[in-house]
Amino acid sequence: MATIGLALSGCASVYSAGETVTAEVTGVWTEAALRTELSRRSPAERAAIEAAFPAGAVRAGRAIQYACAEGTDNSTGGNALAPEGLALARGDTVTIAVGDAARGLPNRVLARDADPRRQRMKVRAYRFIPDWRERGLWNNFEREPVEPWVERNYAISYGAFLIRCRQPG
């Protein structure tokens, strides 16, 4: 059952129910992908996951997967339910209300981020340097230069910038 809590509420181990986080949509569940995922789960896990998404939510594109960064190479993620009429795609930045897996309350998408700079942003954090030895450098990569707002709102997670779960105040 611990797996269920993490699968449904995503940030359950890090965040409290009702807390809001900022995250990037990493995928929108399709019926085929969800069927495949459910086939790998126990009957209890399947029932809990199915209960988190109301009938028709997956078909309507309202069931999403998300990720956000806690810090350098420390990311978290989970599933969330978008409100009716809010079409989301991979790369969208959203605000999520953390649910409570113990009470069967899924994470909920509250809104898409209004800042167009933060939509579908995929910026590599490092650049490969092919002639690093010839240049006398100690490694074969260097940080990509980014604007100050990126440094404030994103963390480097496994080689790319990922939106911070908690945005600076």
N, C-alpha and C. Protein backbone atom coordinates (compact mmCIF):
# COMPACT_ATOMS: atom_id res chain seq x y z
N MET A 1 0.81 -1.20 0.00
CA MET A 1 0.00 0.00 0.00
C MET A 1 0.85 1.26 0.00
N ALA A 2 2.09 1.20 0.47
CA ALA A 2 2.96 2.38 0.44
C ALA A 2 3.18 2.83 -1.00
N THR A 3 3.30 1.86 -1.91
CA THR A 3 3.48 2.20 -3.32
C THR A 3 2.27 2.96 -3.85
N ILE A 4 1.08 2.56 -3.41
CA ILE A 4 -0.13 3.25 -3.84
C ILE A 4 -0.07 4.71 -3.45
N GLY A 5 0.30 4.98 -2.22
CA GLY A 5 0.35 6.37 -1.76
C GLY A 5 1.26 7.20 -2.62
N LEU A 6 2.42 6.66 -2.95
CA LEU A 6 3.35 7.41 -3.78
C LEU A 6 2.83 7.54 -5.20
N ALA A 7 2.20 6.49 -5.72
CA ALA A 7 1.71 6.54 -7.10
C ALA A 7 0.60 7.55 -7.26
N LEU A 8 -0.28 7.64 -6.28
CA LEU A 8 -1.43 8.51 -6.42
C LEU A 8 -1.15 9.94 -6.01
N SER A 9 -0.44 10.11 -4.93
CA SER A 9 -0.24 11.48 -4.47
C SER A 9 1.13 12.01 -4.84
N GLY A 10 2.00 11.18 -5.38
CA GLY A 10 3.26 11.63 -5.94
C GLY A 10 4.19 12.23 -4.92
N CYS A 11 3.82 13.31 -4.33
CA CYS A 11 4.69 14.03 -3.41
C CYS A 11 4.36 13.71 -1.96
N ALA A 12 3.68 12.61 -1.72
CA ALA A 12 3.20 12.31 -0.38
C ALA A 12 4.32 12.27 0.64
N SER A 13 5.49 11.81 0.25
CA SER A 13 6.57 11.69 1.21
C SER A 13 7.25 13.03 1.47
N VAL A 14 7.03 14.00 0.64
CA VAL A 14 7.70 15.29 0.75
C VAL A 14 6.74 16.40 1.14
N TYR A 15 5.53 16.34 0.67
CA TYR A 15 4.57 17.43 0.86
C TYR A 15 3.36 16.97 1.65
N SER A 16 2.71 17.91 2.28
CA SER A 16 1.50 17.62 3.05
C SER A 16 0.27 17.78 2.16
N ALA A 17 -0.77 17.04 2.48
CA ALA A 17 -2.03 17.15 1.75
C ALA A 17 -2.49 18.60 1.78
N GLY A 18 -2.93 19.10 0.63
CA GLY A 18 -3.41 20.47 0.53
C GLY A 18 -2.34 21.47 0.14
N GLU A 19 -1.07 21.10 0.27
CA GLU A 19 0.01 22.01 -0.13
C GLU A 19 0.02 22.12 -1.66
N THR A 20 0.48 23.24 -2.18
CA THR A 20 0.56 23.40 -3.63
C THR A 20 2.01 23.35 -4.07
N VAL A 21 2.22 22.74 -5.24
CA VAL A 21 3.54 22.67 -5.85
C VAL A 21 3.43 23.09 -7.31
N THR A 22 4.53 23.52 -7.86
CA THR A 22 4.62 23.84 -9.28
C THR A 22 5.33 22.66 -9.94
N ALA A 23 4.85 22.21 -11.10
CA ALA A 23 5.43 21.04 -11.74
C ALA A 23 5.30 21.13 -13.25
N GLU A 24 6.06 20.28 -13.92
CA GLU A 24 6.00 20.17 -15.38
C GLU A 24 5.25 18.90 -15.74
N VAL A 25 4.33 18.99 -16.69
CA VAL A 25 3.61 17.82 -17.18
C VAL A 25 4.60 16.97 -17.97
N THR A 26 4.79 15.73 -17.54
CA THR A 26 5.71 14.83 -18.25
C THR A 26 4.97 13.87 -19.17
N GLY A 27 3.66 13.81 -19.03
CA GLY A 27 2.88 12.96 -19.90
C GLY A 27 1.41 13.05 -19.57
N VAL A 28 0.60 12.70 -20.53
CA VAL A 28 -0.86 12.62 -20.34
C VAL A 28 -1.21 11.15 -20.52
N TRP A 29 -1.84 10.56 -19.51
CA TRP A 29 -2.18 9.14 -19.58
C TRP A 29 -3.12 8.86 -20.74
N THR A 30 -2.84 7.81 -21.47
CA THR A 30 -3.78 7.28 -22.47
C THR A 30 -4.39 6.02 -21.88
N GLU A 31 -5.51 5.60 -22.44
CA GLU A 31 -6.15 4.38 -21.92
C GLU A 31 -5.22 3.18 -22.08
N ALA A 32 -4.51 3.09 -23.21
CA ALA A 32 -3.61 1.96 -23.45
C ALA A 32 -2.45 1.96 -22.45
N ALA A 33 -1.86 3.13 -22.21
CA ALA A 33 -0.74 3.21 -21.27
C ALA A 33 -1.20 2.89 -19.85
N LEU A 34 -2.37 3.36 -19.47
CA LEU A 34 -2.88 3.08 -18.13
C LEU A 34 -3.20 1.60 -17.97
N ARG A 35 -3.78 0.97 -19.02
CA ARG A 35 -4.05 -0.48 -18.96
C ARG A 35 -2.75 -1.25 -18.75
N THR A 36 -1.70 -0.85 -19.47
CA THR A 36 -0.40 -1.52 -19.32
C THR A 36 0.12 -1.35 -17.90
N GLU A 37 0.05 -0.13 -17.37
CA GLU A 37 0.50 0.12 -16.00
C GLU A 37 -0.31 -0.69 -14.99
N LEU A 38 -1.62 -0.73 -15.16
CA LEU A 38 -2.47 -1.47 -14.23
C LEU A 38 -2.20 -2.97 -14.27
N SER A 39 -1.81 -3.47 -15.43
CA SER A 39 -1.53 -4.91 -15.55
C SER A 39 -0.31 -5.31 -14.73
N ARG A 40 0.53 -4.35 -14.38
CA ARG A 40 1.73 -4.62 -13.58
C ARG A 40 1.46 -4.52 -12.07
N ARG A 41 0.29 -4.12 -11.70
CA ARG A 41 -0.02 -3.84 -10.29
C ARG A 41 -0.84 -4.95 -9.67
N SER A 42 -0.85 -4.97 -8.35
CA SER A 42 -1.68 -5.92 -7.60
C SER A 42 -3.14 -5.47 -7.70
N PRO A 43 -4.09 -6.36 -7.38
CA PRO A 43 -5.50 -5.97 -7.42
C PRO A 43 -5.80 -4.75 -6.53
N ALA A 44 -5.19 -4.67 -5.36
CA ALA A 44 -5.44 -3.53 -4.46
C ALA A 44 -4.89 -2.24 -5.07
N GLU A 45 -3.71 -2.33 -5.66
CA GLU A 45 -3.12 -1.14 -6.29
C GLU A 45 -3.97 -0.68 -7.48
N ARG A 46 -4.42 -1.66 -8.29
CA ARG A 46 -5.26 -1.31 -9.45
C ARG A 46 -6.52 -0.59 -9.00
N ALA A 47 -7.16 -1.10 -7.97
CA ALA A 47 -8.40 -0.49 -7.48
C ALA A 47 -8.15 0.94 -7.00
N ALA A 48 -7.05 1.16 -6.31
CA ALA A 48 -6.75 2.50 -5.80
C ALA A 48 -6.45 3.46 -6.94
N ILE A 49 -5.70 3.02 -7.93
CA ILE A 49 -5.37 3.90 -9.07
C ILE A 49 -6.64 4.22 -9.87
N GLU A 50 -7.44 3.20 -10.14
CA GLU A 50 -8.68 3.43 -10.88
C GLU A 50 -9.61 4.38 -10.14
N ALA A 51 -9.63 4.29 -8.82
CA ALA A 51 -10.49 5.17 -8.03
C ALA A 51 -10.03 6.63 -8.08
N ALA A 52 -8.74 6.84 -8.33
CA ALA A 52 -8.21 8.21 -8.37
C ALA A 52 -8.66 8.97 -9.61
N PHE A 53 -8.96 8.24 -10.68
CA PHE A 53 -9.36 8.89 -11.93
C PHE A 53 -10.83 8.57 -12.20
N PRO A 54 -11.72 9.56 -12.14
CA PRO A 54 -13.13 9.31 -12.42
C PRO A 54 -13.34 8.75 -13.83
N ALA A 55 -14.47 8.11 -14.03
CA ALA A 55 -14.79 7.54 -15.33
C ALA A 55 -14.66 8.59 -16.42
N GLY A 56 -13.98 8.26 -17.47
CA GLY A 56 -13.82 9.17 -18.61
C GLY A 56 -12.67 10.17 -18.48
N ALA A 57 -12.04 10.26 -17.31
CA ALA A 57 -10.97 11.25 -17.12
C ALA A 57 -9.76 10.96 -18.01
N VAL A 58 -9.40 9.69 -18.13
CA VAL A 58 -8.25 9.33 -18.97
C VAL A 58 -8.60 9.59 -20.44
N ARG A 59 -9.77 9.15 -20.86
CA ARG A 59 -10.20 9.36 -22.25
C ARG A 59 -10.25 10.84 -22.59
N ALA A 60 -10.61 11.67 -21.64
CA ALA A 60 -10.72 13.12 -21.86
C ALA A 60 -9.37 13.83 -21.75
N GLY A 61 -8.29 13.09 -21.43
CA GLY A 61 -6.97 13.71 -21.33
C GLY A 61 -6.76 14.48 -20.04
N ARG A 62 -7.52 14.14 -18.99
CA ARG A 62 -7.42 14.88 -17.72
C ARG A 62 -6.46 14.24 -16.73
N ALA A 63 -6.00 13.03 -17.00
CA ALA A 63 -5.09 12.32 -16.09
C ALA A 63 -3.66 12.53 -16.57
N ILE A 64 -2.87 13.21 -15.75
CA ILE A 64 -1.51 13.55 -16.17
C ILE A 64 -0.46 12.96 -15.24
N GLN A 65 0.76 12.92 -15.74
CA GLN A 65 1.95 12.61 -14.95
C GLN A 65 2.74 13.90 -14.87
N TYR A 66 3.43 14.10 -13.74
CA TYR A 66 4.19 15.34 -13.59
C TYR A 66 5.50 15.09 -12.86
N ALA A 67 6.40 16.07 -12.95
CA ALA A 67 7.67 16.03 -12.22
C ALA A 67 8.06 17.45 -11.85
N CYS A 68 8.81 17.56 -10.75
CA CYS A 68 9.38 18.84 -10.34
C CYS A 68 10.65 18.57 -9.55
N ALA A 69 11.46 19.60 -9.38
CA ALA A 69 12.76 19.44 -8.74
C ALA A 69 12.74 19.97 -7.32
N GLU A 70 13.32 19.19 -6.43
CA GLU A 70 13.53 19.60 -5.05
C GLU A 70 14.85 20.36 -4.94
N GLY A 71 15.77 20.00 -5.77
CA GLY A 71 17.12 20.58 -5.77
C GLY A 71 17.93 19.86 -6.83
N THR A 72 19.22 20.05 -6.82
CA THR A 72 20.08 19.44 -7.83
C THR A 72 19.95 17.91 -7.78
N ASP A 73 19.62 17.32 -8.93
CA ASP A 73 19.47 15.87 -9.08
C ASP A 73 18.54 15.26 -8.03
N ASN A 74 17.55 16.01 -7.62
CA ASN A 74 16.58 15.54 -6.64
C ASN A 74 15.19 15.95 -7.14
N SER A 75 14.56 15.04 -7.85
CA SER A 75 13.24 15.36 -8.41
C SER A 75 12.20 14.41 -7.84
N THR A 76 10.95 14.81 -7.96
CA THR A 76 9.83 14.00 -7.51
C THR A 76 8.72 14.12 -8.56
N GLY A 77 7.75 13.27 -8.49
CA GLY A 77 6.67 13.33 -9.45
C GLY A 77 5.52 12.45 -9.05
N GLY A 78 4.51 12.43 -9.88
CA GLY A 78 3.34 11.62 -9.59
C GLY A 78 2.27 11.81 -10.64
N ASN A 79 1.06 11.51 -10.25
CA ASN A 79 -0.10 11.64 -11.12
C ASN A 79 -1.02 12.71 -10.56
N ALA A 80 -1.77 13.35 -11.44
CA ALA A 80 -2.72 14.36 -10.99
C ALA A 80 -3.90 14.40 -11.95
N LEU A 81 -5.00 14.91 -11.47
CA LEU A 81 -6.23 15.02 -12.25
C LEU A 81 -6.48 16.48 -12.59
N ALA A 82 -6.58 16.78 -13.88
CA ALA A 82 -6.85 18.15 -14.34
C ALA A 82 -8.35 18.40 -14.35
N PRO A 83 -8.75 19.66 -14.17
CA PRO A 83 -10.18 19.97 -14.22
C PRO A 83 -10.73 19.83 -15.64
N GLU A 84 -12.01 19.62 -15.73
CA GLU A 84 -12.65 19.51 -17.05
C GLU A 84 -12.39 20.78 -17.85
N GLY A 85 -12.09 20.61 -19.13
CA GLY A 85 -11.88 21.75 -20.01
C GLY A 85 -10.45 22.28 -20.06
N LEU A 86 -9.57 21.82 -19.19
CA LEU A 86 -8.18 22.27 -19.20
C LEU A 86 -7.35 21.23 -19.95
N ALA A 87 -7.03 21.54 -21.20
CA ALA A 87 -6.23 20.63 -22.02
C ALA A 87 -4.75 20.87 -21.73
N LEU A 88 -4.06 19.82 -21.34
CA LEU A 88 -2.65 19.93 -21.02
C LEU A 88 -1.83 19.04 -21.94
N ALA A 89 -0.57 19.40 -22.12
CA ALA A 89 0.34 18.63 -22.95
C ALA A 89 1.68 18.51 -22.25
N ARG A 90 2.45 17.56 -22.68
CA ARG A 90 3.79 17.37 -22.13
C ARG A 90 4.55 18.68 -22.23
N GLY A 91 5.19 19.09 -21.13
CA GLY A 91 5.96 20.31 -21.10
C GLY A 91 5.24 21.50 -20.50
N ASP A 92 3.92 21.42 -20.34
CA ASP A 92 3.18 22.51 -19.70
C ASP A 92 3.59 22.60 -18.24
N THR A 93 3.64 23.81 -17.70
CA THR A 93 3.91 24.02 -16.29
C THR A 93 2.58 24.28 -15.59
N VAL A 94 2.35 23.57 -14.48
CA VAL A 94 1.07 23.63 -13.78
C VAL A 94 1.26 23.80 -12.28
N THR A 95 0.21 24.25 -11.61
CA THR A 95 0.15 24.29 -10.16
C THR A 95 -0.72 23.12 -9.72
N ILE A 96 -0.23 22.36 -8.74
CA ILE A 96 -0.92 21.15 -8.30
C ILE A 96 -1.20 21.23 -6.81
N ALA A 97 -2.41 20.88 -6.42
CA ALA A 97 -2.77 20.72 -5.00
C ALA A 97 -2.49 19.26 -4.64
N VAL A 98 -1.61 19.06 -3.68
CA VAL A 98 -1.23 17.71 -3.28
C VAL A 98 -2.41 17.04 -2.57
N GLY A 99 -2.69 15.81 -2.99
CA GLY A 99 -3.81 15.06 -2.42
C GLY A 99 -3.40 14.32 -1.16
N ASP A 100 -4.29 13.46 -0.73
CA ASP A 100 -4.06 12.66 0.47
C ASP A 100 -4.39 11.21 0.12
N ALA A 101 -3.35 10.42 -0.18
CA ALA A 101 -3.56 9.04 -0.60
C ALA A 101 -4.27 8.22 0.47
N ALA A 102 -3.99 8.51 1.72
CA ALA A 102 -4.61 7.75 2.81
C ALA A 102 -6.12 7.92 2.82
N ARG A 103 -6.59 9.07 2.37
CA ARG A 103 -8.04 9.34 2.33
C ARG A 103 -8.62 9.18 0.93
N GLY A 104 -7.81 8.72 -0.02
CA GLY A 104 -8.27 8.50 -1.38
C GLY A 104 -8.45 9.77 -2.19
N LEU A 105 -7.77 10.84 -1.81
CA LEU A 105 -7.89 12.10 -2.54
C LEU A 105 -6.69 12.27 -3.47
N PRO A 106 -6.92 12.31 -4.78
CA PRO A 106 -5.81 12.43 -5.72
C PRO A 106 -5.25 13.86 -5.76
N ASN A 107 -4.05 13.98 -6.32
CA ASN A 107 -3.51 15.30 -6.61
C ASN A 107 -4.40 15.95 -7.66
N ARG A 108 -4.57 17.27 -7.58
CA ARG A 108 -5.42 17.98 -8.53
C ARG A 108 -4.65 19.12 -9.18
N VAL A 109 -4.77 19.24 -10.49
CA VAL A 109 -4.20 20.38 -11.19
C VAL A 109 -5.11 21.56 -10.94
N LEU A 110 -4.54 22.65 -10.45
CA LEU A 110 -5.33 23.86 -10.18
C LEU A 110 -5.35 24.79 -11.38
N ALA A 111 -4.20 24.92 -12.06
CA ALA A 111 -4.11 25.85 -13.19
C ALA A 111 -2.84 25.61 -13.99
N ARG A 112 -2.86 26.06 -15.24
CA ARG A 112 -1.65 26.10 -16.06
C ARG A 112 -0.96 27.41 -15.74
N ASP A 113 0.36 27.39 -15.66
CA ASP A 113 1.14 28.59 -15.38
C ASP A 113 0.93 29.60 -16.51
N ALA A 114 0.68 30.84 -16.15
CA ALA A 114 0.38 31.89 -17.15
C ALA A 114 1.64 32.46 -17.80
N ASP A 115 2.81 32.24 -17.22
CA ASP A 115 4.05 32.80 -17.77
C ASP A 115 4.48 31.99 -18.99
N PRO A 116 4.41 32.57 -20.20
CA PRO A 116 4.74 31.80 -21.41
C PRO A 116 6.19 31.33 -21.44
N ARG A 117 7.08 31.99 -20.70
CA ARG A 117 8.49 31.55 -20.69
C ARG A 117 8.63 30.18 -20.06
N ARG A 118 7.69 29.83 -19.17
CA ARG A 118 7.83 28.57 -18.43
C ARG A 118 7.06 27.43 -19.07
N GLN A 119 6.51 27.60 -20.24
CA GLN A 119 5.79 26.53 -20.92
C GLN A 119 6.71 25.81 -21.90
N ARG A 120 6.70 24.50 -21.80
CA ARG A 120 7.48 23.63 -22.70
C ARG A 120 8.95 24.03 -22.77
N MET A 121 9.50 24.39 -21.61
CA MET A 121 10.90 24.78 -21.56
C MET A 121 11.76 23.54 -21.33
N LYS A 122 12.63 23.26 -22.24
CA LYS A 122 13.57 22.15 -22.07
C LYS A 122 14.95 22.70 -22.39
N VAL A 123 15.67 23.03 -21.35
CA VAL A 123 16.99 23.62 -21.52
C VAL A 123 18.02 22.69 -20.90
N ARG A 124 18.98 22.31 -21.72
CA ARG A 124 20.08 21.51 -21.19
C ARG A 124 20.88 22.36 -20.21
N ALA A 125 21.39 21.72 -19.20
CA ALA A 125 22.17 22.45 -18.20
C ALA A 125 23.66 22.48 -18.55
N TYR A 126 24.08 21.54 -19.37
CA TYR A 126 25.51 21.43 -19.69
C TYR A 126 25.72 21.29 -21.19
N ARG A 127 26.88 21.72 -21.62
CA ARG A 127 27.26 21.66 -23.03
C ARG A 127 28.53 20.81 -23.12
N PHE A 128 28.57 19.90 -24.10
CA PHE A 128 29.73 19.04 -24.35
C PHE A 128 30.84 19.85 -25.01
N ILE A 129 32.07 19.64 -24.57
CA ILE A 129 33.24 20.31 -25.14
C ILE A 129 34.12 19.23 -25.78
N PRO A 130 34.08 19.10 -27.10
CA PRO A 130 34.82 18.01 -27.75
C PRO A 130 36.35 18.14 -27.62
N ASP A 131 36.85 19.35 -27.58
CA ASP A 131 38.32 19.54 -27.53
C ASP A 131 38.80 19.94 -26.14
N TRP A 132 38.19 19.39 -25.11
CA TRP A 132 38.50 19.78 -23.74
C TRP A 132 39.95 19.53 -23.37
N ARG A 133 40.54 18.45 -23.84
CA ARG A 133 41.96 18.18 -23.52
C ARG A 133 42.87 19.21 -24.15
N GLU A 134 42.60 19.51 -25.41
CA GLU A 134 43.42 20.48 -26.13
C GLU A 134 43.36 21.86 -25.48
N ARG A 135 42.21 22.16 -24.88
CA ARG A 135 42.03 23.45 -24.23
C ARG A 135 42.54 23.45 -22.79
N GLY A 136 43.03 22.31 -22.33
CA GLY A 136 43.57 22.23 -20.98
C GLY A 136 42.52 22.23 -19.88
N LEU A 137 41.31 21.80 -20.21
CA LEU A 137 40.23 21.76 -19.22
C LEU A 137 40.26 20.44 -18.45
N TRP A 138 39.69 20.41 -17.27
CA TRP A 138 39.69 19.21 -16.45
C TRP A 138 38.53 18.27 -16.73
N ASN A 139 37.51 18.72 -17.50
CA ASN A 139 36.42 17.82 -17.89
C ASN A 139 35.89 18.21 -19.27
N ASN A 140 34.97 17.41 -19.79
CA ASN A 140 34.49 17.62 -21.16
C ASN A 140 33.11 18.27 -21.25
N PHE A 141 32.71 19.03 -20.22
CA PHE A 141 31.43 19.74 -20.27
C PHE A 141 31.54 21.03 -19.49
N GLU A 142 30.60 21.95 -19.79
CA GLU A 142 30.50 23.20 -19.04
C GLU A 142 29.04 23.59 -18.93
N ARG A 143 28.72 24.40 -17.94
CA ARG A 143 27.35 24.87 -17.73
C ARG A 143 26.91 25.74 -18.90
N GLU A 144 25.67 25.55 -19.30
CA GLU A 144 25.05 26.42 -20.30
C GLU A 144 24.70 27.73 -19.60
N PRO A 145 24.96 28.87 -20.22
CA PRO A 145 24.54 30.13 -19.60
C PRO A 145 23.02 30.27 -19.70
N VAL A 146 22.39 30.72 -18.62
CA VAL A 146 20.94 30.93 -18.61
C VAL A 146 20.64 32.26 -17.94
N GLU A 147 19.45 32.75 -18.18
CA GLU A 147 19.02 34.02 -17.59
C GLU A 147 18.77 33.85 -16.09
N PRO A 148 18.87 34.93 -15.30
CA PRO A 148 18.68 34.83 -13.85
C PRO A 148 17.33 34.23 -13.43
N TRP A 149 16.24 34.49 -14.17
CA TRP A 149 14.95 33.94 -13.79
C TRP A 149 14.95 32.42 -13.89
N VAL A 150 15.74 31.86 -14.80
CA VAL A 150 15.83 30.40 -14.91
C VAL A 150 16.55 29.85 -13.67
N GLU A 151 17.62 30.48 -13.26
CA GLU A 151 18.36 30.06 -12.07
C GLU A 151 17.46 30.06 -10.83
N ARG A 152 16.55 31.05 -10.74
CA ARG A 152 15.66 31.16 -9.58
C ARG A 152 14.55 30.12 -9.58
N ASN A 153 13.98 29.84 -10.74
CA ASN A 153 12.78 29.01 -10.84
C ASN A 153 13.03 27.55 -11.19
N TYR A 154 14.23 27.21 -11.59
CA TYR A 154 14.54 25.85 -12.02
C TYR A 154 15.75 25.32 -11.26
N ALA A 155 15.85 24.01 -11.17
CA ALA A 155 17.03 23.35 -10.60
C ALA A 155 17.56 22.38 -11.66
N ILE A 156 18.83 22.08 -11.60
CA ILE A 156 19.40 21.12 -12.53
C ILE A 156 19.07 19.73 -12.02
N SER A 157 18.39 18.98 -12.85
CA SER A 157 18.01 17.62 -12.50
C SER A 157 18.44 16.69 -13.62
N TYR A 158 19.47 15.93 -13.37
CA TYR A 158 19.98 14.95 -14.33
C TYR A 158 20.28 15.57 -15.70
N GLY A 159 21.00 16.68 -15.68
CA GLY A 159 21.52 17.28 -16.90
C GLY A 159 20.63 18.30 -17.58
N ALA A 160 19.43 18.54 -17.07
CA ALA A 160 18.54 19.54 -17.68
C ALA A 160 17.89 20.36 -16.56
N PHE A 161 17.39 21.52 -16.91
CA PHE A 161 16.69 22.34 -15.93
C PHE A 161 15.26 21.84 -15.80
N LEU A 162 14.81 21.65 -14.55
CA LEU A 162 13.45 21.21 -14.24
C LEU A 162 12.86 22.20 -13.25
N ILE A 163 11.60 22.54 -13.43
CA ILE A 163 10.92 23.54 -12.58
C ILE A 163 11.02 23.11 -11.11
N ARG A 164 11.26 24.08 -10.23
CA ARG A 164 11.31 23.80 -8.80
C ARG A 164 9.90 23.57 -8.27
N CYS A 165 9.75 22.57 -7.40
CA CYS A 165 8.44 22.28 -6.80
C CYS A 165 7.94 23.48 -6.01
N ARG A 166 8.83 24.05 -5.23
CA ARG A 166 8.49 25.24 -4.43
C ARG A 166 9.16 26.44 -5.09
N GLN A 167 8.36 27.35 -5.55
CA GLN A 167 8.88 28.54 -6.22
C GLN A 167 9.33 29.58 -5.20
N PRO A 168 10.38 30.34 -5.54
CA PRO A 168 10.83 31.38 -4.61
C PRO A 168 9.76 32.44 -4.42
N GLY A 169 9.68 32.95 -3.20
CA GLY A 169 8.65 33.93 -2.84
C GLY A 169 8.95 35.26 -3.26
